[in-house]
């Protein structure tokens, strides 16, 4: 899900690189402070103000949703900008 929202996060690739490297076959999976810090930084950036736009009086709202047995995700968009989302 983070990959979809990457276009809304400034410098996403710089922050996510270490987490992406953790998923390679050659890297032994050990959850260290380095990974934890990168994860927290991505989480903070995804939930901070610059990612989300304020709604305006012009333009229609669009709701996207995705449901499975395990979870429900949805987002509210206007003029191709995310207003709110619930992962």
PDB file of N, CA and C in Angstrom:
ATOM      1  N   UNK A   1       0.814  -1.187   0.000  1.00  0.00           N
ATOM      2  CA  UNK A   1       0.000   0.000   0.000  1.00  0.00           C
ATOM      3  C   UNK A   1       0.866   1.262   0.000  1.00  0.00           C
ATOM      4  N   UNK A   2       1.988   1.198   0.664  1.00  0.00           N
ATOM      5  CA  UNK A   2       2.882   2.353   0.701  1.00  0.00           C
ATOM      6  C   UNK A   2       3.362   2.696  -0.699  1.00  0.00           C
ATOM      7  N   UNK A   3       3.582   1.683  -1.521  1.00  0.00           N
ATOM      8  CA  UNK A   3       4.025   1.923  -2.888  1.00  0.00           C
ATOM      9  C   UNK A   3       3.058   2.784  -3.672  1.00  0.00           C
ATOM     10  N   UNK A   4       1.763   2.590  -3.468  1.00  0.00           N
ATOM     11  CA  UNK A   4       0.757   3.397  -4.162  1.00  0.00           C
ATOM     12  C   UNK A   4       0.852   4.856  -3.735  1.00  0.00           C
ATOM     13  N   UNK A   5       1.046   5.097  -2.446  1.00  0.00           N
ATOM     14  CA  UNK A   5       1.093   6.465  -1.933  1.00  0.00           C
ATOM     15  C   UNK A   5       2.464   7.107  -2.074  1.00  0.00           C
ATOM     16  N   UNK A   6       3.414   6.396  -2.641  1.00  0.00           N
ATOM     17  CA  UNK A   6       4.768   6.939  -2.767  1.00  0.00           C
ATOM     18  C   UNK A   6       4.802   8.236  -3.563  1.00  0.00           C
ATOM     19  N   UNK A   7       3.900   8.383  -4.494  1.00  0.00           N
ATOM     20  CA  UNK A   7       3.907   9.616  -5.302  1.00  0.00           C
ATOM     21  C   UNK A   7       3.490  10.837  -4.499  1.00  0.00           C
ATOM     22  N   UNK A   8       2.908  10.629  -3.317  1.00  0.00           N
ATOM     23  CA  UNK A   8       2.492  11.743  -2.475  1.00  0.00           C
ATOM     24  C   UNK A   8       3.528  12.085  -1.411  1.00  0.00           C
ATOM     25  N   UNK A   9       4.591  11.285  -1.296  1.00  0.00           N
ATOM     26  CA  UNK A   9       5.594  11.470  -0.248  1.00  0.00           C
ATOM     27  C   UNK A   9       6.882  11.997  -0.869  1.00  0.00           C
ATOM     28  N   UNK A  10       7.328  13.145  -0.356  1.00  0.00           N
ATOM     29  CA  UNK A  10       8.568  13.730  -0.856  1.00  0.00           C
ATOM     30  C   UNK A  10       9.750  12.854  -0.457  1.00  0.00           C
ATOM     31  N   UNK A  11      10.670  12.612  -1.384  1.00  0.00           N
ATOM     32  CA  UNK A  11      11.874  11.793  -1.175  1.00  0.00           C
ATOM     33  C   UNK A  11      11.547  10.379  -0.705  1.00  0.00           C
ATOM     34  N   UNK A  12      10.489   9.819  -1.228  1.00  0.00           N
ATOM     35  CA  UNK A  12      10.063   8.481  -0.827  1.00  0.00           C
ATOM     36  C   UNK A  12      11.161   7.451  -1.055  1.00  0.00           C
ATOM     37  N   UNK A  13      11.793   7.484  -2.212  1.00  0.00           N
ATOM     38  CA  UNK A  13      12.775   6.450  -2.540  1.00  0.00           C
ATOM     39  C   UNK A  13      13.982   6.483  -1.604  1.00  0.00           C
ATOM     40  N   UNK A  14      14.371   7.660  -1.142  1.00  0.00           N
ATOM     41  CA  UNK A  14      15.505   7.743  -0.219  1.00  0.00           C
ATOM     42  C   UNK A  14      15.190   7.067   1.115  1.00  0.00           C
ATOM     43  N   UNK A  15      13.966   7.224   1.571  1.00  0.00           N
ATOM     44  CA  UNK A  15      13.577   6.638   2.853  1.00  0.00           C
ATOM     45  C   UNK A  15      13.316   5.143   2.707  1.00  0.00           C
ATOM     46  N   UNK A  16      12.691   4.743   1.616  1.00  0.00           N
ATOM     47  CA  UNK A  16      12.278   3.347   1.447  1.00  0.00           C
ATOM     48  C   UNK A  16      13.388   2.427   0.968  1.00  0.00           C
ATOM     49  N   UNK A  17      14.506   2.962   0.527  1.00  0.00           N
ATOM     50  CA  UNK A  17      15.576   2.133  -0.015  1.00  0.00           C
ATOM     51  C   UNK A  17      16.045   1.085   0.988  1.00  0.00           C
ATOM     52  N   UNK A  18      16.253   1.486   2.218  1.00  0.00           N
ATOM     53  CA  UNK A  18      16.747   0.513   3.202  1.00  0.00           C
ATOM     54  C   UNK A  18      15.722  -0.584   3.458  1.00  0.00           C
ATOM     55  N   UNK A  19      14.440  -0.246   3.476  1.00  0.00           N
ATOM     56  CA  UNK A  19      13.402  -1.263   3.667  1.00  0.00           C
ATOM     57  C   UNK A  19      13.303  -2.170   2.448  1.00  0.00           C
ATOM     58  N   UNK A  20      13.480  -1.617   1.269  1.00  0.00           N
ATOM     59  CA  UNK A  20      13.461  -2.418   0.052  1.00  0.00           C
ATOM     60  C   UNK A  20      14.626  -3.396   0.045  1.00  0.00           C
ATOM     61  N   UNK A  21      15.787  -2.935   0.478  1.00  0.00           N
ATOM     62  CA  UNK A  21      16.961  -3.819   0.551  1.00  0.00           C
ATOM     63  C   UNK A  21      16.744  -4.964   1.527  1.00  0.00           C
ATOM     64  N   UNK A  22      15.946  -4.736   2.543  1.00  0.00           N
ATOM     65  CA  UNK A  22      15.658  -5.775   3.532  1.00  0.00           C
ATOM     66  C   UNK A  22      14.888  -6.949   2.926  1.00  0.00           C
ATOM     67  N   UNK A  23      14.196  -6.712   1.831  1.00  0.00           N
ATOM     68  CA  UNK A  23      13.376  -7.761   1.217  1.00  0.00           C
ATOM     69  C   UNK A  23      14.115  -8.584   0.167  1.00  0.00           C
ATOM     70  N   UNK A  24      15.376  -8.285  -0.090  1.00  0.00           N
ATOM     71  CA  UNK A  24      16.118  -9.059  -1.088  1.00  0.00           C
ATOM     72  C   UNK A  24      16.516 -10.416  -0.528  1.00  0.00           C
ATOM     73  N   UNK A  25      16.739 -11.364  -1.412  1.00  0.00           N
ATOM     74  CA  UNK A  25      17.105 -12.720  -0.998  1.00  0.00           C
ATOM     75  C   UNK A  25      18.483 -12.780  -0.354  1.00  0.00           C
ATOM     76  N   UNK A  26      19.350 -11.856  -0.704  1.00  0.00           N
ATOM     77  CA  UNK A  26      20.722 -11.891  -0.196  1.00  0.00           C
ATOM     78  C   UNK A  26      20.871 -11.251   1.180  1.00  0.00           C
ATOM     79  N   UNK A  27      19.839 -10.540   1.642  1.00  0.00           N
ATOM     80  CA  UNK A  27      19.902  -9.875   2.933  1.00  0.00           C
ATOM     81  C   UNK A  27      19.219 -10.729   3.991  1.00  0.00           C
ATOM     82  N   UNK A  28      19.927 -10.979   5.077  1.00  0.00           N
ATOM     83  CA  UNK A  28      19.341 -11.728   6.178  1.00  0.00           C
ATOM     84  C   UNK A  28      18.358 -10.811   6.911  1.00  0.00           C
ATOM     85  N   UNK A  29      17.162 -11.328   7.166  1.00  0.00           N
ATOM     86  CA  UNK A  29      16.128 -10.515   7.801  1.00  0.00           C
ATOM     87  C   UNK A  29      16.383 -10.396   9.298  1.00  0.00           C
ATOM     88  N   UNK A  30      16.773  -9.214   9.713  1.00  0.00           N
ATOM     89  CA  UNK A  30      16.949  -8.892  11.123  1.00  0.00           C
ATOM     90  C   UNK A  30      16.405  -7.485  11.326  1.00  0.00           C
ATOM     91  N   UNK A  31      15.366  -7.371  12.162  1.00  0.00           N
ATOM     92  CA  UNK A  31      14.731  -6.085  12.395  1.00  0.00           C
ATOM     93  C   UNK A  31      15.594  -5.270  13.363  1.00  0.00           C
ATOM     94  N   UNK A  32      16.332  -4.302  12.829  1.00  0.00           N
ATOM     95  CA  UNK A  32      17.234  -3.482  13.635  1.00  0.00           C
ATOM     96  C   UNK A  32      16.678  -2.072  13.758  1.00  0.00           C
ATOM     97  N   UNK A  33      17.387  -1.231  14.490  1.00  0.00           N
ATOM     98  CA  UNK A  33      16.958   0.165  14.638  1.00  0.00           C
ATOM     99  C   UNK A  33      16.955   0.902  13.306  1.00  0.00           C
ATOM    100  N   UNK A  34      17.863   0.520  12.416  1.00  0.00           N
ATOM    101  CA  UNK A  34      17.916   1.161  11.091  1.00  0.00           C
ATOM    102  C   UNK A  34      16.596   0.947  10.355  1.00  0.00           C
ATOM    103  N   UNK A  35      16.080  -0.282  10.380  1.00  0.00           N
ATOM    104  CA  UNK A  35      14.821  -0.582   9.684  1.00  0.00           C
ATOM    105  C   UNK A  35      13.648   0.079  10.414  1.00  0.00           C
ATOM    106  N   UNK A  36      13.716   0.042  11.733  1.00  0.00           N
ATOM    107  CA  UNK A  36      12.633   0.623  12.530  1.00  0.00           C
ATOM    108  C   UNK A  36      12.521   2.128  12.279  1.00  0.00           C
ATOM    109  N   UNK A  37      13.653   2.814  12.221  1.00  0.00           N
ATOM    110  CA  UNK A  37      13.654   4.256  11.964  1.00  0.00           C
ATOM    111  C   UNK A  37      13.110   4.577  10.582  1.00  0.00           C
ATOM    112  N   UNK A  38      13.508   3.789   9.572  1.00  0.00           N
ATOM    113  CA  UNK A  38      13.003   4.009   8.215  1.00  0.00           C
ATOM    114  C   UNK A  38      11.498   3.775   8.159  1.00  0.00           C
ATOM    115  N   UNK A  39      11.023   2.726   8.822  1.00  0.00           N
ATOM    116  CA  UNK A  39       9.596   2.439   8.862  1.00  0.00           C
ATOM    117  C   UNK A  39       8.825   3.571   9.545  1.00  0.00           C
ATOM    118  N   UNK A  40       9.320   4.049  10.677  1.00  0.00           N
ATOM    119  CA  UNK A  40       8.657   5.135  11.393  1.00  0.00           C
ATOM    120  C   UNK A  40       8.646   6.423  10.573  1.00  0.00           C
ATOM    121  N   UNK A  41       9.731   6.677   9.868  1.00  0.00           N
ATOM    122  CA  UNK A  41       9.811   7.881   9.039  1.00  0.00           C
ATOM    123  C   UNK A  41       8.788   7.817   7.905  1.00  0.00           C
ATOM    124  N   UNK A  42       8.658   6.659   7.258  1.00  0.00           N
ATOM    125  CA  UNK A  42       7.642   6.509   6.216  1.00  0.00           C
ATOM    126  C   UNK A  42       6.240   6.667   6.793  1.00  0.00           C
ATOM    127  N   UNK A  43       6.006   6.070   7.925  1.00  0.00           N
ATOM    128  CA  UNK A  43       4.694   6.165   8.563  1.00  0.00           C
ATOM    129  C   UNK A  43       4.362   7.619   8.897  1.00  0.00           C
ATOM    130  N   UNK A  44       5.333   8.350   9.421  1.00  0.00           N
ATOM    131  CA  UNK A  44       5.115   9.763   9.747  1.00  0.00           C
ATOM    132  C   UNK A  44       4.857  10.604   8.509  1.00  0.00           C
ATOM    133  N   UNK A  45       5.593  10.327   7.451  1.00  0.00           N
ATOM    134  CA  UNK A  45       5.405  11.098   6.227  1.00  0.00           C
ATOM    135  C   UNK A  45       4.062  10.825   5.568  1.00  0.00           C
ATOM    136  N   UNK A  46       3.583   9.604   5.682  1.00  0.00           N
ATOM    137  CA  UNK A  46       2.292   9.258   5.093  1.00  0.00           C
ATOM    138  C   UNK A  46       1.118   9.842   5.866  1.00  0.00           C
ATOM    139  N   UNK A  47       1.325  10.166   7.109  1.00  0.00           N
ATOM    140  CA  UNK A  47       0.229  10.683   7.916  1.00  0.00           C
ATOM    141  C   UNK A  47       0.373  12.158   8.243  1.00  0.00           C
ATOM    142  N   UNK A  48       1.326  12.824   7.645  1.00  0.00           N
ATOM    143  CA  UNK A  48       1.529  14.239   7.923  1.00  0.00           C
ATOM    144  C   UNK A  48       0.775  15.101   6.915  1.00  0.00           C
ATOM    145  N   UNK A  49       0.662  16.357   7.242  1.00  0.00           N
ATOM    146  CA  UNK A  49      -0.105  17.306   6.449  1.00  0.00           C
ATOM    147  C   UNK A  49       0.289  17.458   4.994  1.00  0.00           C
ATOM    148  N   UNK A  50       1.569  17.554   4.651  1.00  0.00           N
ATOM    149  CA  UNK A  50       1.911  17.795   3.248  1.00  0.00           C
ATOM    150  C   UNK A  50       1.429  16.711   2.289  1.00  0.00           C
ATOM    151  N   UNK A  51       1.170  15.510   2.792  1.00  0.00           N
ATOM    152  CA  UNK A  51       0.706  14.434   1.922  1.00  0.00           C
ATOM    153  C   UNK A  51      -0.745  14.663   1.528  1.00  0.00           C
ATOM    154  N   UNK A  52      -1.532  15.129   2.473  1.00  0.00           N
ATOM    155  CA  UNK A  52      -2.957  15.291   2.248  1.00  0.00           C
ATOM    156  C   UNK A  52      -3.286  16.701   1.783  1.00  0.00           C
ATOM    157  N   UNK A  53      -4.291  16.804   0.904  1.00  0.00           N
ATOM    158  CA  UNK A  53      -4.740  18.101   0.405  1.00  0.00           C
ATOM    159  C   UNK A  53      -6.017  18.500   1.130  1.00  0.00           C
ATOM    160  N   UNK A  54      -6.300  19.775   1.144  1.00  0.00           N
ATOM    161  CA  UNK A  54      -7.549  20.257   1.711  1.00  0.00           C
ATOM    162  C   UNK A  54      -8.637  20.221   0.647  1.00  0.00           C
ATOM    163  N   UNK A  55      -9.867  19.865   1.023  1.00  0.00           N
ATOM    164  CA  UNK A  55     -10.945  19.869   0.041  1.00  0.00           C
ATOM    165  C   UNK A  55     -11.292  21.286  -0.394  1.00  0.00           C
ATOM    166  N   UNK A  56     -11.741  21.431  -1.622  1.00  0.00           N
ATOM    167  CA  UNK A  56     -12.145  22.728  -2.156  1.00  0.00           C
ATOM    168  C   UNK A  56     -13.620  22.674  -2.548  1.00  0.00           C
ATOM    169  N   UNK A  57     -14.162  23.817  -2.900  1.00  0.00           N
ATOM    170  CA  UNK A  57     -15.560  23.890  -3.326  1.00  0.00           C
ATOM    171  C   UNK A  57     -15.752  23.465  -4.773  1.00  0.00           C
ATOM    172  N   UNK A  58     -14.670  23.330  -5.510  1.00  0.00           N
ATOM    173  CA  UNK A  58     -14.782  22.945  -6.921  1.00  0.00           C
ATOM    174  C   UNK A  58     -14.310  21.506  -7.114  1.00  0.00           C
ATOM    175  N   UNK A  59     -14.980  20.795  -7.962  1.00  0.00           N
ATOM    176  CA  UNK A  59     -14.583  19.422  -8.256  1.00  0.00           C
ATOM    177  C   UNK A  59     -15.374  18.416  -7.449  1.00  0.00           C
ATOM    178  N   UNK A  60     -15.548  17.249  -8.035  1.00  0.00           N
ATOM    179  CA  UNK A  60     -16.279  16.167  -7.379  1.00  0.00           C
ATOM    180  C   UNK A  60     -15.344  15.356  -6.498  1.00  0.00           C
ATOM    181  N   UNK A  61     -15.927  14.701  -5.524  1.00  0.00           N
ATOM    182  CA  UNK A  61     -15.177  13.797  -4.671  1.00  0.00           C
ATOM    183  C   UNK A  61     -15.285  12.385  -5.227  1.00  0.00           C
ATOM    184  N   UNK A  62     -14.209  11.635  -5.089  1.00  0.00           N
ATOM    185  CA  UNK A  62     -14.179  10.242  -5.517  1.00  0.00           C
ATOM    186  C   UNK A  62     -13.715   9.405  -4.334  1.00  0.00           C
ATOM    187  N   UNK A  63     -14.428   8.319  -4.070  1.00  0.00           N
ATOM    188  CA  UNK A  63     -14.052   7.400  -3.003  1.00  0.00           C
ATOM    189  C   UNK A  63     -13.587   6.096  -3.627  1.00  0.00           C
ATOM    190  N   UNK A  64     -12.373   5.674  -3.297  1.00  0.00           N
ATOM    191  CA  UNK A  64     -11.845   4.386  -3.722  1.00  0.00           C
ATOM    192  C   UNK A  64     -11.801   3.481  -2.501  1.00  0.00           C
ATOM    193  N   UNK A  65     -12.197   2.239  -2.675  1.00  0.00           N
ATOM    194  CA  UNK A  65     -12.134   1.303  -1.558  1.00  0.00           C
ATOM    195  C   UNK A  65     -11.642  -0.052  -2.044  1.00  0.00           C
ATOM    196  N   UNK A  66     -11.039  -0.778  -1.130  1.00  0.00           N
ATOM    197  CA  UNK A  66     -10.531  -2.113  -1.413  1.00  0.00           C
ATOM    198  C   UNK A  66     -10.761  -2.948  -0.165  1.00  0.00           C
ATOM    199  N   UNK A  67     -11.536  -3.990  -0.293  1.00  0.00           N
ATOM    200  CA  UNK A  67     -11.860  -4.815   0.869  1.00  0.00           C
ATOM    201  C   UNK A  67     -11.438  -6.260   0.621  1.00  0.00           C
ATOM    202  N   UNK A  68     -10.975  -6.890   1.671  1.00  0.00           N
ATOM    203  CA  UNK A  68     -10.650  -8.312   1.633  1.00  0.00           C
ATOM    204  C   UNK A  68     -11.081  -8.912   2.967  1.00  0.00           C
ATOM    205  N   UNK A  69     -10.807 -10.183   3.173  1.00  0.00           N
ATOM    206  CA  UNK A  69     -11.158 -10.809   4.443  1.00  0.00           C
ATOM    207  C   UNK A  69     -10.394 -10.195   5.614  1.00  0.00           C
ATOM    208  N   UNK A  70      -9.209  -9.693   5.339  1.00  0.00           N
ATOM    209  CA  UNK A  70      -8.321  -9.229   6.406  1.00  0.00           C
ATOM    210  C   UNK A  70      -8.438  -7.751   6.725  1.00  0.00           C
ATOM    211  N   UNK A  71      -8.805  -6.922   5.747  1.00  0.00           N
ATOM    212  CA  UNK A  71      -8.800  -5.485   5.995  1.00  0.00           C
ATOM    213  C   UNK A  71      -9.606  -4.710   4.977  1.00  0.00           C
ATOM    214  N   UNK A  72      -9.826  -3.460   5.285  1.00  0.00           N
ATOM    215  CA  UNK A  72     -10.518  -2.530   4.408  1.00  0.00           C
ATOM    216  C   UNK A  72      -9.655  -1.287   4.266  1.00  0.00           C
ATOM    217  N   UNK A  73      -9.426  -0.860   3.053  1.00  0.00           N
ATOM    218  CA  UNK A  73      -8.675   0.365   2.785  1.00  0.00           C
ATOM    219  C   UNK A  73      -9.558   1.271   1.942  1.00  0.00           C
ATOM    220  N   UNK A  74      -9.493   2.558   2.202  1.00  0.00           N
ATOM    221  CA  UNK A  74     -10.267   3.481   1.382  1.00  0.00           C
ATOM    222  C   UNK A  74      -9.583   4.838   1.357  1.00  0.00           C
ATOM    223  N   UNK A  75      -9.922   5.607   0.335  1.00  0.00           N
ATOM    224  CA  UNK A  75      -9.372   6.946   0.223  1.00  0.00           C
ATOM    225  C   UNK A  75     -10.400   7.869  -0.402  1.00  0.00           C
ATOM    226  N   UNK A  76     -10.338   9.106   0.002  1.00  0.00           N
ATOM    227  CA  UNK A  76     -11.193  10.161  -0.537  1.00  0.00           C
ATOM    228  C   UNK A  76     -10.314  11.084  -1.352  1.00  0.00           C
ATOM    229  N   UNK A  77     -10.665  11.274  -2.624  1.00  0.00           N
ATOM    230  CA  UNK A  77      -9.857  12.108  -3.504  1.00  0.00           C
ATOM    231  C   UNK A  77     -10.716  13.205  -4.128  1.00  0.00           C
ATOM    232  N   UNK A  78     -10.066  14.306  -4.460  1.00  0.00           N
ATOM    233  CA  UNK A  78     -10.693  15.394  -5.186  1.00  0.00           C
ATOM    234  C   UNK A  78      -9.623  16.016  -6.078  1.00  0.00           C
ATOM    235  N   UNK A  79      -9.942  16.182  -7.355  1.00  0.00           N
ATOM    236  CA  UNK A  79      -8.995  16.773  -8.326  1.00  0.00           C
ATOM    237  C   UNK A  79      -7.660  16.034  -8.326  1.00  0.00           C
ATOM    238  N   UNK A  80      -7.701  14.690  -8.282  1.00  0.00           N
ATOM    239  CA  UNK A  80      -6.516  13.824  -8.297  1.00  0.00           C
ATOM    240  C   UNK A  80      -5.581  14.046  -7.117  1.00  0.00           C
ATOM    241  N   UNK A  81      -6.109  14.546  -6.004  1.00  0.00           N
ATOM    242  CA  UNK A  81      -5.320  14.722  -4.789  1.00  0.00           C
ATOM    243  C   UNK A  81      -6.011  13.999  -3.651  1.00  0.00           C
ATOM    244  N   UNK A  82      -5.231  13.367  -2.797  1.00  0.00           N
ATOM    245  CA  UNK A  82      -5.789  12.641  -1.675  1.00  0.00           C
ATOM    246  C   UNK A  82      -6.205  13.620  -0.584  1.00  0.00           C
ATOM    247  N   UNK A  83      -7.454  13.518  -0.177  1.00  0.00           N
ATOM    248  CA  UNK A  83      -7.973  14.353   0.908  1.00  0.00           C
ATOM    249  C   UNK A  83      -7.835  13.599   2.233  1.00  0.00           C
ATOM    250  N   UNK A  84      -8.191  12.324   2.237  1.00  0.00           N
ATOM    251  CA  UNK A  84      -8.089  11.490   3.433  1.00  0.00           C
ATOM    252  C   UNK A  84      -7.997  10.032   3.000  1.00  0.00           C
ATOM    253  N   UNK A  85      -7.399   9.208   3.852  1.00  0.00           N
ATOM    254  CA  UNK A  85      -7.362   7.775   3.585  1.00  0.00           C
ATOM    255  C   UNK A  85      -7.289   7.010   4.893  1.00  0.00           C
ATOM    256  N   UNK A  86      -7.730   5.784   4.817  1.00  0.00           N
ATOM    257  CA  UNK A  86      -7.705   4.901   5.986  1.00  0.00           C
ATOM    258  C   UNK A  86      -7.119   3.565   5.548  1.00  0.00           C
ATOM    259  N   UNK A  87      -5.881   3.284   5.963  1.00  0.00           N
ATOM    260  CA  UNK A  87      -5.247   2.019   5.564  1.00  0.00           C
ATOM    261  C   UNK A  87      -5.758   0.846   6.371  1.00  0.00           C
TER     262      UNK A  87
END
